[in-house]
Amino acid sequence: MELANQMKWVLEEDVALVACMVDLHNVGTFNADTRFKAGYLNELEKMLEKVLPHAMLKAKPNLESRIRTLKRVWLIIYDMLRGKK
């Protein structure tokens, strides 16, 4: 994928995404062990459309890619705080 085609996320979008993921987890409909069940990205897309109607965030590739990035960053910070290299 070309870098020119990648979306630049803003803080408001990240905050909304994480808040919607927490809400989705708390509802429990899409919970499966330590992950979400299939179809959760489409539900997140609908939830974010209500919160950020002009952002036009799509399940694929936007949400899928951003969640993957946030997981990667979280693991780096988590490992740093635990003293791992």
C-alpha atoms as a PDB file:
ATOM      1  CA  MET A   1       0.000   0.000   0.000  1.00  0.00           C
ATOM      2  CA  GLU A   2       1.311   3.456  -0.850  1.00  0.00           C
ATOM      3  CA  LEU A   3       1.898   5.843   2.009  1.00  0.00           C
ATOM      4  CA  ALA A   4       0.088   8.566   0.074  1.00  0.00           C
ATOM      5  CA  ASN A   5      -3.152   6.591   0.363  1.00  0.00           C
ATOM      6  CA  GLN A   6      -2.935   6.125   4.119  1.00  0.00           C
ATOM      7  CA  MET A   7      -5.244   8.081   6.351  1.00  0.00           C
ATOM      8  CA  LYS A   8      -3.867  10.386   9.060  1.00  0.00           C
ATOM      9  CA  TRP A   9      -5.739   9.768  12.307  1.00  0.00           C
ATOM     10  CA  VAL A  10      -6.377  12.652  14.695  1.00  0.00           C
ATOM     11  CA  LEU A  11      -6.636  12.402  18.477  1.00  0.00           C
ATOM     12  CA  GLU A  12     -10.431  12.837  18.436  1.00  0.00           C
ATOM     13  CA  GLU A  13     -10.770   9.783  16.179  1.00  0.00           C
ATOM     14  CA  ASP A  14      -8.466   7.649  18.338  1.00  0.00           C
ATOM     15  CA  VAL A  15     -10.389   8.632  21.476  1.00  0.00           C
ATOM     16  CA  ALA A  16     -13.713   7.836  19.812  1.00  0.00           C
ATOM     17  CA  LEU A  17     -12.418   4.488  18.516  1.00  0.00           C
ATOM     18  CA  VAL A  18     -11.168   3.374  21.932  1.00  0.00           C
ATOM     19  CA  ALA A  19     -14.365   4.590  23.643  1.00  0.00           C
ATOM     20  CA  CYS A  20     -16.508   2.666  21.142  1.00  0.00           C
ATOM     21  CA  MET A  21     -14.381  -0.461  21.618  1.00  0.00           C
ATOM     22  CA  VAL A  22     -14.849  -0.208  25.400  1.00  0.00           C
ATOM     23  CA  ASP A  23     -18.611   0.262  24.927  1.00  0.00           C
ATOM     24  CA  LEU A  24     -18.735  -2.698  22.553  1.00  0.00           C
ATOM     25  CA  HIS A  25     -16.857  -4.843  25.067  1.00  0.00           C
ATOM     26  CA  ASN A  26     -19.135  -3.757  27.922  1.00  0.00           C
ATOM     27  CA  VAL A  27     -22.272  -4.648  25.947  1.00  0.00           C
ATOM     28  CA  GLY A  28     -20.781  -8.125  25.500  1.00  0.00           C
ATOM     29  CA  THR A  29     -22.472  -9.016  22.219  1.00  0.00           C
ATOM     30  CA  PHE A  30     -19.187  -9.374  20.346  1.00  0.00           C
ATOM     31  CA  ASN A  31     -16.985 -10.711  23.181  1.00  0.00           C
ATOM     32  CA  ALA A  32     -15.114 -13.970  22.637  1.00  0.00           C
ATOM     33  CA  ASP A  33     -12.479 -14.998  25.183  1.00  0.00           C
ATOM     34  CA  THR A  34      -9.720 -12.373  24.865  1.00  0.00           C
ATOM     35  CA  ARG A  35     -10.823 -11.015  21.486  1.00  0.00           C
ATOM     36  CA  PHE A  36     -13.907  -9.724  19.727  1.00  0.00           C
ATOM     37  CA  LYS A  37     -16.105 -11.996  17.615  1.00  0.00           C
ATOM     38  CA  ALA A  38     -16.281 -11.724  13.841  1.00  0.00           C
ATOM     39  CA  GLY A  39     -18.339  -8.780  12.681  1.00  0.00           C
ATOM     40  CA  TYR A  40     -17.195  -6.411  15.415  1.00  0.00           C
ATOM     41  CA  LEU A  41     -15.471  -4.105  12.917  1.00  0.00           C
ATOM     42  CA  ASN A  42     -18.757  -3.477  11.122  1.00  0.00           C
ATOM     43  CA  GLU A  43     -20.436  -2.713  14.444  1.00  0.00           C
ATOM     44  CA  LEU A  44     -17.605  -0.320  15.349  1.00  0.00           C
ATOM     45  CA  GLU A  45     -18.050   1.373  11.981  1.00  0.00           C
ATOM     46  CA  LYS A  46     -21.741   1.976  12.770  1.00  0.00           C
ATOM     47  CA  MET A  47     -20.940   3.256  16.267  1.00  0.00           C
ATOM     48  CA  LEU A  48     -18.274   5.641  14.988  1.00  0.00           C
ATOM     49  CA  GLU A  49     -20.576   6.932  12.255  1.00  0.00           C
ATOM     50  CA  LYS A  50     -22.883   8.228  15.019  1.00  0.00           C
ATOM     51  CA  VAL A  51     -20.042   9.852  16.980  1.00  0.00           C
ATOM     52  CA  LEU A  52     -17.955  11.122  14.043  1.00  0.00           C
ATOM     53  CA  PRO A  53     -20.338  11.343  11.062  1.00  0.00           C
ATOM     54  CA  HIS A  54     -17.935  13.303   8.844  1.00  0.00           C
ATOM     55  CA  ALA A  55     -14.887  11.084   9.447  1.00  0.00           C
ATOM     56  CA  MET A  56     -16.174   8.378   7.067  1.00  0.00           C
ATOM     57  CA  LEU A  57     -14.193   5.634   8.829  1.00  0.00           C
ATOM     58  CA  LYS A  58     -14.662   2.214   7.254  1.00  0.00           C
ATOM     59  CA  ALA A  59     -14.204  -1.155   8.947  1.00  0.00           C
ATOM     60  CA  LYS A  60     -11.670  -2.137   6.310  1.00  0.00           C
ATOM     61  CA  PRO A  61      -9.134  -0.727   5.868  1.00  0.00           C
ATOM     62  CA  ASN A  62      -9.411   2.192   8.360  1.00  0.00           C
ATOM     63  CA  LEU A  63     -10.495   0.558  11.626  1.00  0.00           C
ATOM     64  CA  GLU A  64      -8.697  -2.717  11.033  1.00  0.00           C
ATOM     65  CA  SER A  65      -5.425  -0.921  10.312  1.00  0.00           C
ATOM     66  CA  ARG A  66      -5.706   1.557  13.196  1.00  0.00           C
ATOM     67  CA  ILE A  67      -6.514  -1.156  15.740  1.00  0.00           C
ATOM     68  CA  ARG A  68      -3.473  -3.124  14.548  1.00  0.00           C
ATOM     69  CA  THR A  69      -1.310   0.020  14.953  1.00  0.00           C
ATOM     70  CA  LEU A  70      -2.696   0.792  18.416  1.00  0.00           C
ATOM     71  CA  LYS A  71      -2.024  -2.800  19.527  1.00  0.00           C
ATOM     72  CA  ARG A  72       1.569  -2.580  18.293  1.00  0.00           C
ATOM     73  CA  VAL A  73       2.167   0.735  20.094  1.00  0.00           C
ATOM     74  CA  TRP A  74       0.502  -0.568  23.264  1.00  0.00           C
ATOM     75  CA  LEU A  75       2.760  -3.637  23.323  1.00  0.00           C
ATOM     76  CA  ILE A  76       5.878  -1.479  22.942  1.00  0.00           C
ATOM     77  CA  ILE A  77       4.845   0.749  25.853  1.00  0.00           C
ATOM     78  CA  TYR A  78       3.764  -2.243  27.949  1.00  0.00           C
ATOM     79  CA  ASP A  79       7.126  -3.946  27.408  1.00  0.00           C
ATOM     80  CA  MET A  80       9.005  -0.735  28.226  1.00  0.00           C
ATOM     81  CA  LEU A  81       7.125  -0.360  31.499  1.00  0.00           C
ATOM     82  CA  ARG A  82       7.853  -3.985  32.396  1.00  0.00           C
ATOM     83  CA  GLY A  83      11.561  -3.535  31.642  1.00  0.00           C
ATOM     84  CA  LYS A  84      11.683  -5.758  28.536  1.00  0.00           C
ATOM     85  CA  LYS A  85      13.791  -4.903  25.525  1.00  0.00           C
END
